[in-house]
Amino acid sequence: MEKEEQKQEAFITDYAELKREKERERALEEKKAEIRAKKRKLIPPFVMLLAGAIVSITMFVQHYKSKDMLVILLCVLLVFFVAGEVLKYMLDRFEADAEARRREEGEVFEMGPDGKAEGAAAADTAAEEQENEPQQTGRRFDDDEEELIF
């Protein structure tokens, strides 16, 4: 009886520790995601300013009038700010897709106290295992026959 109680206590301790570890990992991932988001926030201004600097220098070298130079520069800054925003949106979307895939692949089936897998993912696994089993057609091939695969 004591051994069963010790096993149960060890299971609860391990389960609680596993839960705490998952929370730590999740918090670390969230912190990394926040840092990446802060860095990505700077993409549109950098793209805009780089394009503006290149256009300004080019127009100065080619001796544009100040009024024409300012109008062109304003248009270029607006266009490249929008381009930077689109780039940032695409990167955010790619990261969100990758995170969703990572969560899907990294989904761990937790065992309940009764020793059975919990959640809908357990049913999906059983269905996948059933699909992956080779199906037998009942026909046997002789050594002389070739199996045609289409």
Protein backbone atom coordinates (compact mmCIF):
# COMPACT_ATOMS: atom_id res chain seq x y z
CA MET A 1 0.00 0.00 0.00
CA GLU A 2 2.84 2.38 0.82
CA LYS A 3 4.51 1.74 -2.53
CA GLU A 4 1.33 2.68 -4.37
CA GLU A 5 1.04 5.90 -2.36
CA GLN A 6 4.69 6.74 -3.08
CA LYS A 7 4.17 6.08 -6.78
CA GLN A 8 1.06 8.27 -6.75
CA GLU A 9 2.96 11.06 -4.95
CA ALA A 10 5.86 10.73 -7.37
CA PHE A 11 3.42 10.88 -10.29
CA ILE A 12 1.76 13.99 -8.90
CA THR A 13 5.12 15.62 -8.26
CA ASP A 14 6.39 14.74 -11.72
CA TYR A 15 3.13 15.88 -13.30
CA ALA A 16 3.24 19.18 -11.41
CA GLU A 17 6.90 19.63 -12.28
CA LEU A 18 6.15 18.88 -15.93
CA LYS A 19 3.39 21.48 -15.86
CA ARG A 20 5.72 24.08 -14.33
CA GLU A 21 8.38 23.32 -16.94
CA LYS A 22 5.86 23.77 -19.75
CA GLU A 23 4.80 27.10 -18.28
CA ARG A 24 8.44 28.23 -18.11
CA GLU A 25 9.02 27.22 -21.73
CA ARG A 26 5.83 28.96 -22.82
CA ALA A 27 6.84 32.15 -20.96
CA LEU A 28 10.30 32.04 -22.56
CA GLU A 29 8.80 31.63 -26.03
CA GLU A 30 6.42 34.53 -25.40
CA LYS A 31 9.32 36.71 -24.28
CA LYS A 32 11.31 35.83 -27.42
CA ALA A 33 8.26 36.58 -29.58
CA GLU A 34 7.90 40.00 -27.93
CA ILE A 35 11.55 40.80 -28.65
CA ARG A 36 11.15 39.76 -32.30
CA ALA A 37 8.00 41.90 -32.56
CA LYS A 38 9.85 44.93 -31.17
CA LYS A 39 12.63 44.44 -33.71
CA ARG A 40 10.12 44.04 -36.53
CA LYS A 41 8.41 47.24 -35.50
CA LEU A 42 11.48 49.15 -36.72
CA ILE A 43 11.46 47.68 -40.25
CA PRO A 44 9.13 50.24 -41.91
CA PRO A 45 11.00 53.34 -40.66
CA PHE A 46 14.38 51.89 -41.67
CA VAL A 47 13.16 50.98 -45.15
CA MET A 48 11.60 54.41 -45.56
CA LEU A 49 14.68 56.31 -44.36
CA LEU A 50 17.08 54.25 -46.45
CA ALA A 51 15.04 54.85 -49.60
CA GLY A 52 14.73 58.54 -48.70
CA ALA A 53 18.49 58.89 -48.24
CA ILE A 54 19.24 57.20 -51.55
CA VAL A 55 16.69 59.34 -53.43
CA SER A 56 17.87 62.55 -51.74
CA ILE A 57 21.49 61.94 -52.62
CA THR A 58 20.62 60.96 -56.19
CA MET A 59 18.47 64.06 -56.71
CA PHE A 60 21.10 66.33 -55.14
CA VAL A 61 23.79 64.93 -57.46
CA GLN A 62 21.50 65.43 -60.48
CA HIS A 63 20.75 69.07 -59.44
CA TYR A 64 16.96 68.86 -59.00
CA LYS A 65 15.10 72.02 -57.93
CA SER A 66 14.26 72.11 -54.22
CA LYS A 67 10.47 72.11 -54.76
CA ASP A 68 10.61 69.10 -57.12
CA MET A 69 13.04 67.36 -54.82
CA LEU A 70 10.72 67.70 -51.79
CA VAL A 71 7.63 66.46 -53.65
CA ILE A 72 9.47 63.43 -55.03
CA LEU A 73 11.05 62.73 -51.65
CA LEU A 74 7.67 62.87 -49.90
CA CYS A 75 6.17 60.42 -52.41
CA VAL A 76 9.15 58.06 -52.08
CA LEU A 77 8.96 58.15 -48.27
CA LEU A 78 5.26 57.33 -48.30
CA VAL A 79 5.63 54.50 -50.82
CA PHE A 80 8.53 52.89 -48.99
CA PHE A 81 6.83 53.26 -45.59
CA VAL A 82 3.87 51.31 -46.98
CA ALA A 83 6.28 48.75 -48.49
CA GLY A 84 7.95 48.36 -45.06
CA GLU A 85 4.55 47.86 -43.41
CA VAL A 86 3.68 45.16 -45.94
CA LEU A 87 7.03 43.46 -45.29
CA LYS A 88 6.43 43.63 -41.53
CA TYR A 89 2.92 42.19 -41.95
CA MET A 90 4.26 39.32 -44.04
CA LEU A 91 6.94 38.51 -41.46
CA ASP A 92 4.38 38.60 -38.64
CA ARG A 93 2.10 36.31 -40.58
CA PHE A 94 4.92 33.86 -41.36
CA GLU A 95 5.86 33.75 -37.69
CA ALA A 96 2.26 33.17 -36.64
CA ASP A 97 1.97 30.28 -39.13
CA ALA A 98 5.26 28.80 -37.93
CA GLU A 99 4.13 29.11 -34.31
CA ALA A 100 0.85 27.37 -35.11
CA ARG A 101 2.72 24.54 -36.85
CA ARG A 102 5.17 24.28 -33.96
CA ARG A 103 2.33 24.00 -31.46
CA GLU A 104 0.60 21.40 -33.63
CA GLU A 105 3.74 19.28 -34.01
CA GLY A 106 4.88 19.76 -30.43
CA GLU A 107 1.52 18.88 -28.95
CA VAL A 108 2.12 16.38 -26.21
CA PHE A 109 -0.60 14.03 -25.16
CA GLU A 110 -0.83 14.19 -21.42
CA MET A 111 -1.82 11.14 -19.51
CA GLY A 112 -4.61 11.59 -17.02
CA PRO A 113 -4.54 10.17 -13.53
CA ASP A 114 -6.26 7.03 -14.83
CA GLY A 115 -3.42 6.40 -17.32
CA LYS A 116 -5.42 7.22 -20.46
CA ALA A 117 -4.54 9.92 -22.95
CA GLU A 118 -6.64 13.05 -22.62
CA GLY A 119 -7.99 15.44 -25.24
CA ALA A 120 -9.13 15.30 -28.82
CA ALA A 121 -5.56 14.77 -29.97
CA ALA A 122 -5.66 11.24 -28.60
CA ALA A 123 -8.54 10.37 -30.95
CA ASP A 124 -6.63 11.88 -33.88
CA THR A 125 -3.61 9.73 -33.06
CA ALA A 126 -5.70 6.58 -32.99
CA ALA A 127 -7.19 7.48 -36.39
CA GLU A 128 -3.72 8.17 -37.85
CA GLU A 129 -2.40 4.84 -36.57
CA GLN A 130 -5.31 3.07 -38.16
CA GLU A 131 -4.65 4.84 -41.50
CA ASN A 132 -0.95 3.98 -41.40
CA GLU A 133 -1.55 0.25 -40.98
CA PRO A 134 -0.89 -1.66 -44.20
CA GLN A 135 -4.04 -2.90 -45.82
CA GLN A 136 -4.11 -6.46 -47.02
CA THR A 137 -5.92 -7.29 -50.23
CA GLY A 138 -5.98 -11.03 -49.66
CA ARG A 139 -4.17 -11.74 -52.92
CA ARG A 140 -0.74 -13.31 -52.84
CA PHE A 141 1.81 -12.97 -55.59
CA ASP A 142 4.01 -15.72 -56.84
CA ASP A 143 7.69 -15.12 -57.39
CA ASP A 144 7.12 -14.95 -61.15
CA GLU A 145 4.39 -12.32 -61.02
CA GLU A 146 5.12 -8.62 -60.75
CA GLU A 147 3.01 -6.26 -58.76
CA LEU A 148 1.84 -3.26 -60.74
CA ILE A 149 1.75 -0.02 -58.81
CA PHE A 150 -0.16 2.92 -60.19
